[in-house]
Amino acid sequence: MIKLYFADHVPPHFHAEYGEYEARIAIESLAVLSGALPPRAMGLVAEWSLLHQRELLEQWQRVMRHEPPARIEPLP
């Protein structure tokens, strides 16, 4: 599950959750800021976030304005 939080701190990032694992990932560099995911889950998150990087940044800007985020399509 991918999450963005209202009034979260910079740098722009998203939270990726898989079971009991969680990682915070920077949107601009796609670097892991903290946490970890199992390798397969991290690979899927990396693939998805690369495809939707611009949309993620747009959604980050929306939630910083306290606007509800739009849905981003999953991997095909």
N, C-alpha and C. Protein backbone atom coordinates (compact mmCIF):
# COMPACT_ATOMS: atom_id res chain seq x y z
N MET A 1 0.85 -1.17 0.00
CA MET A 1 0.00 0.00 0.00
C MET A 1 0.90 1.24 0.00
N ILE A 2 0.52 2.20 -0.80
CA ILE A 2 1.25 3.46 -0.89
C ILE A 2 0.40 4.53 -0.20
N LYS A 3 1.05 5.34 0.63
CA LYS A 3 0.33 6.39 1.35
C LYS A 3 1.08 7.71 1.27
N LEU A 4 0.29 8.80 1.22
CA LEU A 4 0.78 10.16 1.39
C LEU A 4 0.02 10.73 2.57
N TYR A 5 0.69 11.48 3.43
CA TYR A 5 0.04 12.03 4.61
C TYR A 5 -0.08 13.54 4.50
N PHE A 6 -1.24 14.07 4.89
CA PHE A 6 -1.45 15.52 4.94
C PHE A 6 -0.45 16.15 5.89
N ALA A 7 0.08 17.30 5.49
CA ALA A 7 1.00 18.10 6.31
C ALA A 7 2.24 17.31 6.73
N ASP A 8 2.68 16.38 5.89
CA ASP A 8 3.89 15.62 6.17
C ASP A 8 5.10 16.53 5.98
N HIS A 9 6.24 16.10 6.41
CA HIS A 9 7.46 16.90 6.35
C HIS A 9 8.19 16.69 5.02
N VAL A 10 9.05 17.64 4.68
CA VAL A 10 9.87 17.51 3.48
C VAL A 10 11.06 16.62 3.78
N PRO A 11 11.69 16.02 2.82
CA PRO A 11 11.48 16.15 1.39
C PRO A 11 10.22 15.41 0.95
N PRO A 12 9.70 15.75 -0.24
CA PRO A 12 8.53 15.03 -0.73
C PRO A 12 8.80 13.53 -0.77
N HIS A 13 7.91 12.77 -0.17
CA HIS A 13 8.11 11.32 -0.08
C HIS A 13 6.76 10.63 0.06
N PHE A 14 6.81 9.32 -0.09
CA PHE A 14 5.62 8.51 0.16
C PHE A 14 6.00 7.35 1.06
N HIS A 15 4.99 6.76 1.66
CA HIS A 15 5.18 5.62 2.54
C HIS A 15 4.69 4.38 1.80
N ALA A 16 5.52 3.37 1.75
CA ALA A 16 5.16 2.09 1.14
C ALA A 16 5.06 1.06 2.25
N GLU A 17 3.94 0.37 2.32
CA GLU A 17 3.73 -0.65 3.35
C GLU A 17 3.50 -2.00 2.69
N TYR A 18 4.09 -3.02 3.30
CA TYR A 18 3.89 -4.40 2.84
C TYR A 18 3.93 -5.27 4.09
N GLY A 19 2.75 -5.76 4.49
CA GLY A 19 2.68 -6.53 5.73
C GLY A 19 3.16 -5.69 6.90
N GLU A 20 4.12 -6.22 7.65
CA GLU A 20 4.65 -5.49 8.81
C GLU A 20 5.81 -4.58 8.44
N TYR A 21 6.15 -4.49 7.16
CA TYR A 21 7.27 -3.67 6.70
C TYR A 21 6.77 -2.31 6.21
N GLU A 22 7.62 -1.30 6.37
CA GLU A 22 7.31 0.03 5.86
C GLU A 22 8.60 0.72 5.46
N ALA A 23 8.54 1.48 4.38
CA ALA A 23 9.67 2.29 3.95
C ALA A 23 9.16 3.66 3.53
N ARG A 24 9.96 4.68 3.80
CA ARG A 24 9.69 6.03 3.30
C ARG A 24 10.60 6.25 2.11
N ILE A 25 10.03 6.68 0.99
CA ILE A 25 10.79 6.79 -0.25
C ILE A 25 10.67 8.20 -0.80
N ALA A 26 11.81 8.83 -1.08
CA ALA A 26 11.83 10.18 -1.65
C ALA A 26 11.28 10.14 -3.07
N ILE A 27 10.42 11.07 -3.39
CA ILE A 27 9.79 11.08 -4.71
C ILE A 27 10.80 11.52 -5.78
N GLU A 28 11.59 12.54 -5.51
CA GLU A 28 12.47 13.07 -6.54
C GLU A 28 13.63 12.13 -6.88
N SER A 29 14.23 11.49 -5.90
CA SER A 29 15.37 10.61 -6.16
C SER A 29 15.00 9.13 -6.14
N LEU A 30 13.82 8.82 -5.59
CA LEU A 30 13.35 7.45 -5.36
C LEU A 30 14.26 6.67 -4.42
N ALA A 31 15.02 7.38 -3.62
CA ALA A 31 15.88 6.76 -2.62
C ALA A 31 15.06 6.40 -1.39
N VAL A 32 15.44 5.31 -0.73
CA VAL A 32 14.79 4.92 0.52
C VAL A 32 15.32 5.82 1.62
N LEU A 33 14.43 6.56 2.26
CA LEU A 33 14.80 7.48 3.33
C LEU A 33 14.91 6.76 4.67
N SER A 34 14.03 5.81 4.88
CA SER A 34 14.06 5.03 6.11
C SER A 34 13.23 3.77 5.91
N GLY A 35 13.48 2.80 6.76
CA GLY A 35 12.74 1.55 6.70
C GLY A 35 13.23 0.64 5.60
N ALA A 36 12.47 -0.43 5.37
CA ALA A 36 12.85 -1.42 4.37
C ALA A 36 11.63 -2.26 4.00
N LEU A 37 11.68 -2.82 2.82
CA LEU A 37 10.68 -3.76 2.34
C LEU A 37 11.41 -5.01 1.88
N PRO A 38 10.73 -6.16 1.85
CA PRO A 38 11.36 -7.34 1.27
C PRO A 38 11.75 -7.05 -0.19
N PRO A 39 12.79 -7.70 -0.69
CA PRO A 39 13.30 -7.39 -2.03
C PRO A 39 12.25 -7.40 -3.15
N ARG A 40 11.39 -8.40 -3.18
CA ARG A 40 10.38 -8.45 -4.25
C ARG A 40 9.42 -7.28 -4.15
N ALA A 41 8.95 -6.96 -2.95
CA ALA A 41 8.04 -5.84 -2.75
C ALA A 41 8.74 -4.53 -3.12
N MET A 42 10.01 -4.38 -2.73
CA MET A 42 10.75 -3.17 -3.05
C MET A 42 10.91 -3.02 -4.56
N GLY A 43 11.13 -4.13 -5.25
CA GLY A 43 11.24 -4.08 -6.70
C GLY A 43 9.96 -3.59 -7.36
N LEU A 44 8.83 -4.07 -6.88
CA LEU A 44 7.54 -3.63 -7.42
C LEU A 44 7.28 -2.16 -7.13
N VAL A 45 7.60 -1.73 -5.92
CA VAL A 45 7.43 -0.32 -5.56
C VAL A 45 8.34 0.55 -6.41
N ALA A 46 9.59 0.12 -6.61
CA ALA A 46 10.53 0.89 -7.42
C ALA A 46 10.03 1.01 -8.86
N GLU A 47 9.56 -0.09 -9.43
CA GLU A 47 9.05 -0.07 -10.81
C GLU A 47 7.86 0.87 -10.92
N TRP A 48 6.91 0.74 -10.00
CA TRP A 48 5.71 1.57 -10.01
C TRP A 48 6.05 3.04 -9.83
N SER A 49 6.91 3.35 -8.86
CA SER A 49 7.21 4.75 -8.57
C SER A 49 7.97 5.41 -9.71
N LEU A 50 8.80 4.67 -10.41
CA LEU A 50 9.50 5.22 -11.58
C LEU A 50 8.49 5.58 -12.68
N LEU A 51 7.50 4.73 -12.88
CA LEU A 51 6.47 5.01 -13.88
C LEU A 51 5.58 6.19 -13.52
N HIS A 52 5.40 6.44 -12.23
CA HIS A 52 4.45 7.45 -11.76
C HIS A 52 5.09 8.57 -10.95
N GLN A 53 6.37 8.80 -11.16
CA GLN A 53 7.10 9.78 -10.36
C GLN A 53 6.49 11.18 -10.46
N ARG A 54 6.15 11.62 -11.66
CA ARG A 54 5.57 12.96 -11.83
C ARG A 54 4.21 13.04 -11.13
N GLU A 55 3.40 11.99 -11.27
CA GLU A 55 2.10 11.96 -10.60
C GLU A 55 2.25 11.98 -9.08
N LEU A 56 3.23 11.27 -8.58
CA LEU A 56 3.49 11.26 -7.13
C LEU A 56 3.81 12.67 -6.63
N LEU A 57 4.64 13.39 -7.37
CA LEU A 57 4.99 14.75 -6.96
C LEU A 57 3.76 15.65 -7.02
N GLU A 58 2.92 15.49 -8.05
CA GLU A 58 1.69 16.27 -8.12
C GLU A 58 0.77 15.96 -6.94
N GLN A 59 0.66 14.70 -6.57
CA GLN A 59 -0.19 14.32 -5.45
C GLN A 59 0.39 14.82 -4.13
N TRP A 60 1.72 14.80 -3.99
CA TRP A 60 2.36 15.37 -2.80
C TRP A 60 1.96 16.84 -2.66
N GLN A 61 2.01 17.58 -3.75
CA GLN A 61 1.66 19.00 -3.71
C GLN A 61 0.19 19.17 -3.33
N ARG A 62 -0.68 18.29 -3.83
CA ARG A 62 -2.10 18.35 -3.46
C ARG A 62 -2.30 18.15 -1.96
N VAL A 63 -1.68 17.12 -1.39
CA VAL A 63 -1.91 16.87 0.04
C VAL A 63 -1.27 17.96 0.90
N MET A 64 -0.22 18.61 0.43
CA MET A 64 0.36 19.71 1.19
C MET A 64 -0.59 20.91 1.21
N ARG A 65 -1.48 21.00 0.22
CA ARG A 65 -2.52 22.04 0.20
C ARG A 65 -3.80 21.55 0.88
N HIS A 66 -3.73 20.37 1.50
CA HIS A 66 -4.87 19.74 2.18
C HIS A 66 -6.00 19.41 1.22
N GLU A 67 -5.63 19.08 -0.01
CA GLU A 67 -6.60 18.61 -1.01
C GLU A 67 -6.50 17.08 -1.06
N PRO A 68 -7.60 16.42 -1.29
CA PRO A 68 -7.53 14.96 -1.36
C PRO A 68 -6.71 14.51 -2.58
N PRO A 69 -5.88 13.49 -2.40
CA PRO A 69 -5.10 13.00 -3.54
C PRO A 69 -5.97 12.22 -4.52
N ALA A 70 -5.55 12.21 -5.76
CA ALA A 70 -6.22 11.41 -6.78
C ALA A 70 -5.59 10.02 -6.79
N ARG A 71 -6.30 9.08 -7.32
CA ARG A 71 -5.81 7.71 -7.41
C ARG A 71 -4.75 7.61 -8.50
N ILE A 72 -3.69 6.87 -8.23
CA ILE A 72 -2.66 6.58 -9.22
C ILE A 72 -2.80 5.11 -9.58
N GLU A 73 -2.79 4.82 -10.86
CA GLU A 73 -2.99 3.46 -11.33
C GLU A 73 -1.91 2.50 -10.82
N PRO A 74 -2.29 1.27 -10.53
CA PRO A 74 -1.32 0.25 -10.12
C PRO A 74 -0.54 -0.27 -11.34
N LEU A 75 0.41 -1.13 -11.07
CA LEU A 75 1.12 -1.77 -12.18
C LEU A 75 0.14 -2.63 -12.97
N PRO A 76 0.35 -2.72 -14.29
CA PRO A 76 -0.55 -3.56 -15.10
C PRO A 76 -0.37 -5.04 -14.78
